[in-house]
Amino acid sequence: EQHRQVLEYIRAKRKEGLHVSYSCEG
């Protein structure tokens, strides 16, 4: 659940135009 929380956070920030990204793995 926390892992998905991180990904949802990144997705939301990118929609705001901020360059937040997840690492290369997985």
PDB file of all heavy atoms in Angstrom:
ATOM      1  N   GLU A   1       0.828  -1.210   0.000  1.00  0.00           N
ATOM      2  CA  GLU A   1       0.000   0.000   0.000  1.00  0.00           C
ATOM      3  C   GLU A   1       0.862   1.260   0.000  1.00  0.00           C
ATOM      4  O   GLU A   1       0.564   2.241  -0.690  1.00  0.00           O
ATOM      5  CB  GLU A   1      -0.927   0.007   1.226  1.00  0.00           C
ATOM      6  CG  GLU A   1      -2.006  -1.069   1.201  1.00  0.00           C
ATOM      7  CD  GLU A   1      -1.477  -2.451   1.564  1.00  0.00           C
ATOM      8  OE1 GLU A   1      -0.329  -2.560   2.063  1.00  0.00           O
ATOM      9  OE2 GLU A   1      -2.208  -3.434   1.335  1.00  0.00           O
ATOM     10  N   GLN A   2       1.940   1.247   0.773  1.00  0.00           N
ATOM     11  CA  GLN A   2       2.835   2.401   0.815  1.00  0.00           C
ATOM     12  C   GLN A   2       3.581   2.575  -0.506  1.00  0.00           C
ATOM     13  O   GLN A   2       3.822   3.708  -0.951  1.00  0.00           O
ATOM     14  CB  GLN A   2       3.817   2.246   1.972  1.00  0.00           C
ATOM     15  CG  GLN A   2       3.179   2.374   3.346  1.00  0.00           C
ATOM     16  CD  GLN A   2       4.132   2.006   4.462  1.00  0.00           C
ATOM     17  OE1 GLN A   2       5.006   1.142   4.312  1.00  0.00           O
ATOM     18  NE2 GLN A   2       3.979   2.666   5.613  1.00  0.00           N
ATOM     19  N   HIS A   3       3.934   1.464  -1.129  1.00  0.00           N
ATOM     20  CA  HIS A   3       4.609   1.528  -2.424  1.00  0.00           C
ATOM     21  C   HIS A   3       3.693   2.206  -3.446  1.00  0.00           C
ATOM     22  O   HIS A   3       4.121   3.088  -4.199  1.00  0.00           O
ATOM     23  CB  HIS A   3       4.973   0.110  -2.886  1.00  0.00           C
ATOM     24  CG  HIS A   3       6.033   0.075  -3.933  1.00  0.00           C
ATOM     25  ND1 HIS A   3       6.970  -0.910  -4.013  1.00  0.00           N
ATOM     26  CD2 HIS A   3       6.309   0.916  -4.953  1.00  0.00           C
ATOM     27  CE1 HIS A   3       7.769  -0.692  -5.039  1.00  0.00           C
ATOM     28  NE2 HIS A   3       7.386   0.409  -5.631  1.00  0.00           N
ATOM     29  N   ARG A   4       2.437   1.797  -3.457  1.00  0.00           N
ATOM     30  CA  ARG A   4       1.483   2.447  -4.361  1.00  0.00           C
ATOM     31  C   ARG A   4       1.298   3.916  -4.005  1.00  0.00           C
ATOM     32  O   ARG A   4       1.121   4.765  -4.885  1.00  0.00           O
ATOM     33  CB  ARG A   4       0.133   1.714  -4.322  1.00  0.00           C
ATOM     34  CG  ARG A   4       0.128   0.392  -5.069  1.00  0.00           C
ATOM     35  CD  ARG A   4      -1.296  -0.095  -5.310  1.00  0.00           C
ATOM     36  NE  ARG A   4      -2.004  -0.347  -4.067  1.00  0.00           N
ATOM     37  CZ  ARG A   4      -1.957  -1.497  -3.388  1.00  0.00           C
ATOM     38  NH1 ARG A   4      -1.227  -2.494  -3.847  1.00  0.00           N
ATOM     39  NH2 ARG A   4      -2.632  -1.650  -2.270  1.00  0.00           N
ATOM     40  N   GLN A   5       1.363   4.226  -2.721  1.00  0.00           N
ATOM     41  CA  GLN A   5       1.237   5.620  -2.288  1.00  0.00           C
ATOM     42  C   GLN A   5       2.343   6.480  -2.899  1.00  0.00           C
ATOM     43  O   GLN A   5       2.094   7.615  -3.342  1.00  0.00           O
ATOM     44  CB  GLN A   5       1.298   5.687  -0.759  1.00  0.00           C
ATOM     45  CG  GLN A   5       1.155   7.097  -0.189  1.00  0.00           C
ATOM     46  CD  GLN A   5       1.233   7.113   1.336  1.00  0.00           C
ATOM     47  OE1 GLN A   5       0.978   6.106   2.002  1.00  0.00           O
ATOM     48  NE2 GLN A   5       1.605   8.259   1.906  1.00  0.00           N
ATOM     49  N   VAL A   6       3.565   5.954  -2.927  1.00  0.00           N
ATOM     50  CA  VAL A   6       4.687   6.676  -3.539  1.00  0.00           C
ATOM     51  C   VAL A   6       4.428   6.913  -5.020  1.00  0.00           C
ATOM     52  O   VAL A   6       4.620   8.022  -5.545  1.00  0.00           O
ATOM     53  CB  VAL A   6       6.008   5.903  -3.336  1.00  0.00           C
ATOM     54  CG1 VAL A   6       7.134   6.541  -4.151  1.00  0.00           C
ATOM     55  CG2 VAL A   6       6.389   5.863  -1.864  1.00  0.00           C
ATOM     56  N   LEU A   7       3.980   5.880  -5.711  1.00  0.00           N
ATOM     57  CA  LEU A   7       3.740   5.997  -7.145  1.00  0.00           C
ATOM     58  C   LEU A   7       2.593   6.959  -7.452  1.00  0.00           C
ATOM     59  O   LEU A   7       2.661   7.726  -8.417  1.00  0.00           O
ATOM     60  CB  LEU A   7       3.467   4.611  -7.738  1.00  0.00           C
ATOM     61  CG  LEU A   7       4.632   3.617  -7.616  1.00  0.00           C
ATOM     62  CD1 LEU A   7       4.197   2.233  -8.082  1.00  0.00           C
ATOM     63  CD2 LEU A   7       5.836   4.090  -8.410  1.00  0.00           C
ATOM     64  N   GLU A   8       1.553   6.914  -6.635  1.00  0.00           N
ATOM     65  CA  GLU A   8       0.440   7.846  -6.828  1.00  0.00           C
ATOM     66  C   GLU A   8       0.893   9.280  -6.568  1.00  0.00           C
ATOM     67  O   GLU A   8       0.454  10.218  -7.249  1.00  0.00           O
ATOM     68  CB  GLU A   8      -0.727   7.483  -5.905  1.00  0.00           C
ATOM     69  CG  GLU A   8      -1.432   6.179  -6.261  1.00  0.00           C
ATOM     70  CD  GLU A   8      -2.169   6.242  -7.592  1.00  0.00           C
ATOM     71  OE1 GLU A   8      -2.473   7.367  -8.056  1.00  0.00           O
ATOM     72  OE2 GLU A   8      -2.428   5.177  -8.175  1.00  0.00           O
ATOM     73  N   TYR A   9       1.768   9.463  -5.608  1.00  0.00           N
ATOM     74  CA  TYR A   9       2.306  10.787  -5.322  1.00  0.00           C
ATOM     75  C   TYR A   9       3.091  11.310  -6.534  1.00  0.00           C
ATOM     76  O   TYR A   9       2.919  12.462  -6.952  1.00  0.00           O
ATOM     77  CB  TYR A   9       3.218  10.726  -4.096  1.00  0.00           C
ATOM     78  CG  TYR A   9       3.946  12.019  -3.812  1.00  0.00           C
ATOM     79  CD1 TYR A   9       3.332  13.043  -3.098  1.00  0.00           C
ATOM     80  CD2 TYR A   9       5.251  12.219  -4.269  1.00  0.00           C
ATOM     81  CE1 TYR A   9       3.994  14.244  -2.852  1.00  0.00           C
ATOM     82  CE2 TYR A   9       5.918  13.406  -4.028  1.00  0.00           C
ATOM     83  CZ  TYR A   9       5.285  14.419  -3.317  1.00  0.00           C
ATOM     84  OH  TYR A   9       5.949  15.598  -3.087  1.00  0.00           O
ATOM     85  N   ILE A  10       3.937  10.457  -7.091  1.00  0.00           N
ATOM     86  CA  ILE A  10       4.731  10.859  -8.257  1.00  0.00           C
ATOM     87  C   ILE A  10       3.821  11.200  -9.426  1.00  0.00           C
ATOM     88  O   ILE A  10       3.996  12.223 -10.107  1.00  0.00           O
ATOM     89  CB  ILE A  10       5.717   9.740  -8.648  1.00  0.00           C
ATOM     90  CG1 ILE A  10       6.750   9.532  -7.538  1.00  0.00           C
ATOM     91  CG2 ILE A  10       6.406  10.073  -9.967  1.00  0.00           C
ATOM     92  CD1 ILE A  10       7.642   8.329  -7.747  1.00  0.00           C
ATOM     93  N   ARG A  11       2.841  10.347  -9.662  1.00  0.00           N
ATOM     94  CA  ARG A  11       1.903  10.573 -10.763  1.00  0.00           C
ATOM     95  C   ARG A  11       1.213  11.936 -10.607  1.00  0.00           C
ATOM     96  O   ARG A  11       1.088  12.707 -11.570  1.00  0.00           O
ATOM     97  CB  ARG A  11       0.875   9.449 -10.800  1.00  0.00           C
ATOM     98  CG  ARG A  11      -0.217   9.635 -11.843  1.00  0.00           C
ATOM     99  CD  ARG A  11      -1.313   8.602 -11.617  1.00  0.00           C
ATOM    100  NE  ARG A  11      -1.021   7.337 -12.288  1.00  0.00           N
ATOM    101  CZ  ARG A  11      -1.688   6.211 -12.047  1.00  0.00           C
ATOM    102  NH1 ARG A  11      -2.629   6.172 -11.115  1.00  0.00           N
ATOM    103  NH2 ARG A  11      -1.400   5.108 -12.721  1.00  0.00           N
ATOM    104  N   ALA A  12       0.793  12.245  -9.393  1.00  0.00           N
ATOM    105  CA  ALA A  12       0.100  13.516  -9.142  1.00  0.00           C
ATOM    106  C   ALA A  12       1.028  14.709  -9.350  1.00  0.00           C
ATOM    107  O   ALA A  12       0.625  15.727  -9.949  1.00  0.00           O
ATOM    108  CB  ALA A  12      -0.464  13.518  -7.724  1.00  0.00           C
ATOM    109  N   LYS A  13       2.255  14.609  -8.867  1.00  0.00           N
ATOM    110  CA  LYS A  13       3.197  15.720  -9.004  1.00  0.00           C
ATOM    111  C   LYS A  13       3.548  15.965 -10.468  1.00  0.00           C
ATOM    112  O   LYS A  13       3.708  17.119 -10.903  1.00  0.00           O
ATOM    113  CB  LYS A  13       4.457  15.449  -8.185  1.00  0.00           C
ATOM    114  CG  LYS A  13       4.245  15.556  -6.679  1.00  0.00           C
ATOM    115  CD  LYS A  13       3.750  16.941  -6.292  1.00  0.00           C
ATOM    116  CE  LYS A  13       3.402  17.046  -4.836  1.00  0.00           C
ATOM    117  NZ  LYS A  13       2.871  18.387  -4.474  1.00  0.00           N
ATOM    118  N   ARG A  14       3.680  14.891 -11.244  1.00  0.00           N
ATOM    119  CA  ARG A  14       3.989  15.053 -12.667  1.00  0.00           C
ATOM    120  C   ARG A  14       2.831  15.713 -13.404  1.00  0.00           C
ATOM    121  O   ARG A  14       3.045  16.481 -14.349  1.00  0.00           O
ATOM    122  CB  ARG A  14       4.348  13.706 -13.281  1.00  0.00           C
ATOM    123  CG  ARG A  14       5.673  13.153 -12.759  1.00  0.00           C
ATOM    124  CD  ARG A  14       5.920  11.738 -13.222  1.00  0.00           C
ATOM    125  NE  ARG A  14       6.255  11.650 -14.637  1.00  0.00           N
ATOM    126  CZ  ARG A  14       7.476  11.746 -15.136  1.00  0.00           C
ATOM    127  NH1 ARG A  14       8.508  11.965 -14.332  1.00  0.00           N
ATOM    128  NH2 ARG A  14       7.689  11.638 -16.433  1.00  0.00           N
ATOM    129  N   LYS A  15       1.610  15.428 -12.979  1.00  0.00           N
ATOM    130  CA  LYS A  15       0.450  16.092 -13.586  1.00  0.00           C
ATOM    131  C   LYS A  15       0.455  17.582 -13.279  1.00  0.00           C
ATOM    132  O   LYS A  15      -0.098  18.385 -14.037  1.00  0.00           O
ATOM    133  CB  LYS A  15      -0.836  15.442 -13.094  1.00  0.00           C
ATOM    134  CG  LYS A  15      -1.096  14.065 -13.704  1.00  0.00           C
ATOM    135  CD  LYS A  15      -2.404  13.472 -13.208  1.00  0.00           C
ATOM    136  CE  LYS A  15      -2.665  12.121 -13.857  1.00  0.00           C
ATOM    137  NZ  LYS A  15      -3.931  11.506 -13.360  1.00  0.00           N
ATOM    138  N   GLU A  16       1.086  17.945 -12.140  1.00  0.00           N
ATOM    139  CA  GLU A  16       1.221  19.357 -11.789  1.00  0.00           C
ATOM    140  C   GLU A  16       2.361  20.021 -12.564  1.00  0.00           C
ATOM    141  O   GLU A  16       2.544  21.237 -12.480  1.00  0.00           O
ATOM    142  CB  GLU A  16       1.495  19.503 -10.286  1.00  0.00           C
ATOM    143  CG  GLU A  16       0.342  19.076  -9.392  1.00  0.00           C
ATOM    144  CD  GLU A  16       0.710  19.139  -7.920  1.00  0.00           C
ATOM    145  OE1 GLU A  16       1.747  19.774  -7.590  1.00  0.00           O
ATOM    146  OE2 GLU A  16      -0.023  18.568  -7.094  1.00  0.00           O
ATOM    147  N   GLY A  17       3.135  19.218 -13.301  1.00  0.00           N
ATOM    148  CA  GLY A  17       4.253  19.748 -14.071  1.00  0.00           C
ATOM    149  C   GLY A  17       5.586  19.696 -13.356  1.00  0.00           C
ATOM    150  O   GLY A  17       6.583  20.213 -13.879  1.00  0.00           O
ATOM    151  N   LEU A  18       5.644  19.070 -12.179  1.00  0.00           N
ATOM    152  CA  LEU A  18       6.907  18.947 -11.446  1.00  0.00           C
ATOM    153  C   LEU A  18       7.639  17.695 -11.905  1.00  0.00           C
ATOM    154  O   LEU A  18       7.029  16.639 -12.102  1.00  0.00           O
ATOM    155  CB  LEU A  18       6.647  18.878  -9.940  1.00  0.00           C
ATOM    156  CG  LEU A  18       5.917  20.076  -9.323  1.00  0.00           C
ATOM    157  CD1 LEU A  18       5.773  19.883  -7.820  1.00  0.00           C
ATOM    158  CD2 LEU A  18       6.641  21.373  -9.630  1.00  0.00           C
ATOM    159  N   HIS A  19       8.958  17.815 -12.064  1.00  0.00           N
ATOM    160  CA  HIS A  19       9.731  16.666 -12.530  1.00  0.00           C
ATOM    161  C   HIS A  19      10.154  15.806 -11.340  1.00  0.00           C
ATOM    162  O   HIS A  19      11.292  15.840 -10.873  1.00  0.00           O
ATOM    163  CB  HIS A  19      10.954  17.093 -13.333  1.00  0.00           C
ATOM    164  CG  HIS A  19      11.472  15.992 -14.204  1.00  0.00           C
ATOM    165  ND1 HIS A  19      12.384  15.070 -13.779  1.00  0.00           N
ATOM    166  CD2 HIS A  19      11.146  15.639 -15.474  1.00  0.00           C
ATOM    167  CE1 HIS A  19      12.630  14.203 -14.749  1.00  0.00           C
ATOM    168  NE2 HIS A  19      11.889  14.533 -15.791  1.00  0.00           N
ATOM    169  N   VAL A  20       9.199  15.022 -10.871  1.00  0.00           N
ATOM    170  CA  VAL A  20       9.440  14.000  -9.857  1.00  0.00           C
ATOM    171  C   VAL A  20       9.317  12.665 -10.571  1.00  0.00           C
ATOM    172  O   VAL A  20       8.395  12.463 -11.364  1.00  0.00           O
ATOM    173  CB  VAL A  20       8.413  14.093  -8.710  1.00  0.00           C
ATOM    174  CG1 VAL A  20       8.711  13.060  -7.626  1.00  0.00           C
ATOM    175  CG2 VAL A  20       8.409  15.493  -8.123  1.00  0.00           C
ATOM    176  N   SER A  21      10.229  11.740 -10.320  1.00  0.00           N
ATOM    177  CA  SER A  21      10.204  10.476 -11.049  1.00  0.00           C
ATOM    178  C   SER A  21      10.570   9.315 -10.144  1.00  0.00           C
ATOM    179  O   SER A  21      11.177   9.493  -9.084  1.00  0.00           O
ATOM    180  CB  SER A  21      11.156  10.526 -12.251  1.00  0.00           C
ATOM    181  OG  SER A  21      12.484  10.761 -11.824  1.00  0.00           O
ATOM    182  N   TYR A  22      10.175   8.127 -10.581  1.00  0.00           N
ATOM    183  CA  TYR A  22      10.521   6.907  -9.870  1.00  0.00           C
ATOM    184  C   TYR A  22      11.827   6.377 -10.444  1.00  0.00           C
ATOM    185  O   TYR A  22      12.186   6.653 -11.583  1.00  0.00           O
ATOM    186  CB  TYR A  22       9.403   5.870 -10.015  1.00  0.00           C
ATOM    187  CG  TYR A  22       9.591   4.630  -9.162  1.00  0.00           C
ATOM    188  CD1 TYR A  22       9.538   4.708  -7.777  1.00  0.00           C
ATOM    189  CD2 TYR A  22       9.820   3.386  -9.741  1.00  0.00           C
ATOM    190  CE1 TYR A  22       9.710   3.582  -6.993  1.00  0.00           C
ATOM    191  CE2 TYR A  22       9.984   2.255  -8.969  1.00  0.00           C
ATOM    192  CZ  TYR A  22       9.937   2.355  -7.595  1.00  0.00           C
ATOM    193  OH  TYR A  22      10.117   1.242  -6.813  1.00  0.00           O
ATOM    194  N   SER A  23      12.518   5.562  -9.663  1.00  0.00           N
ATOM    195  CA  SER A  23      13.801   5.017 -10.099  1.00  0.00           C
ATOM    196  C   SER A  23      13.623   4.103 -11.309  1.00  0.00           C
ATOM    197  O   SER A  23      12.510   3.790 -11.727  1.00  0.00           O
ATOM    198  CB  SER A  23      14.440   4.234  -8.952  1.00  0.00           C
ATOM    199  OG  SER A  23      13.648   3.099  -8.639  1.00  0.00           O
ATOM    200  N   CYS A  24      14.723   3.634 -11.838  1.00  0.00           N
ATOM    201  CA  CYS A  24      14.695   2.872 -13.083  1.00  0.00           C
ATOM    202  C   CYS A  24      14.209   1.440 -12.901  1.00  0.00           C
ATOM    203  O   CYS A  24      13.908   0.761 -13.875  1.00  0.00           O
ATOM    204  CB  CYS A  24      16.092   2.855 -13.703  1.00  0.00           C
ATOM    205  SG  CYS A  24      17.348   2.071 -12.648  1.00  0.00           S
ATOM    206  N   GLU A  25      14.137   0.937 -11.673  1.00  0.00           N
ATOM    207  CA  GLU A  25      13.884  -0.487 -11.492  1.00  0.00           C
ATOM    208  C   GLU A  25      12.409  -0.831 -11.403  1.00  0.00           C
ATOM    209  O   GLU A  25      11.578  -0.021 -11.011  1.00  0.00           O
ATOM    210  CB  GLU A  25      14.595  -0.982 -10.233  1.00  0.00           C
ATOM    211  CG  GLU A  25      14.035  -0.433  -8.947  1.00  0.00           C
ATOM    212  CD  GLU A  25      14.719  -1.029  -7.734  1.00  0.00           C
ATOM    213  OE1 GLU A  25      15.949  -1.196  -7.766  1.00  0.00           O
ATOM    214  OE2 GLU A  25      14.019  -1.334  -6.767  1.00  0.00           O
ATOM    215  N   GLY A  26      12.094  -2.074 -11.799  1.00  0.00           N
ATOM    216  CA  GLY A  26      10.767  -2.623 -11.596  1.00  0.00           C
ATOM    217  C   GLY A  26       9.769  -2.337 -12.693  1.00  0.00           C
ATOM    218  O   GLY A  26       9.475  -1.182 -12.985  1.00  0.00           O
TER     219      GLY A  26
END
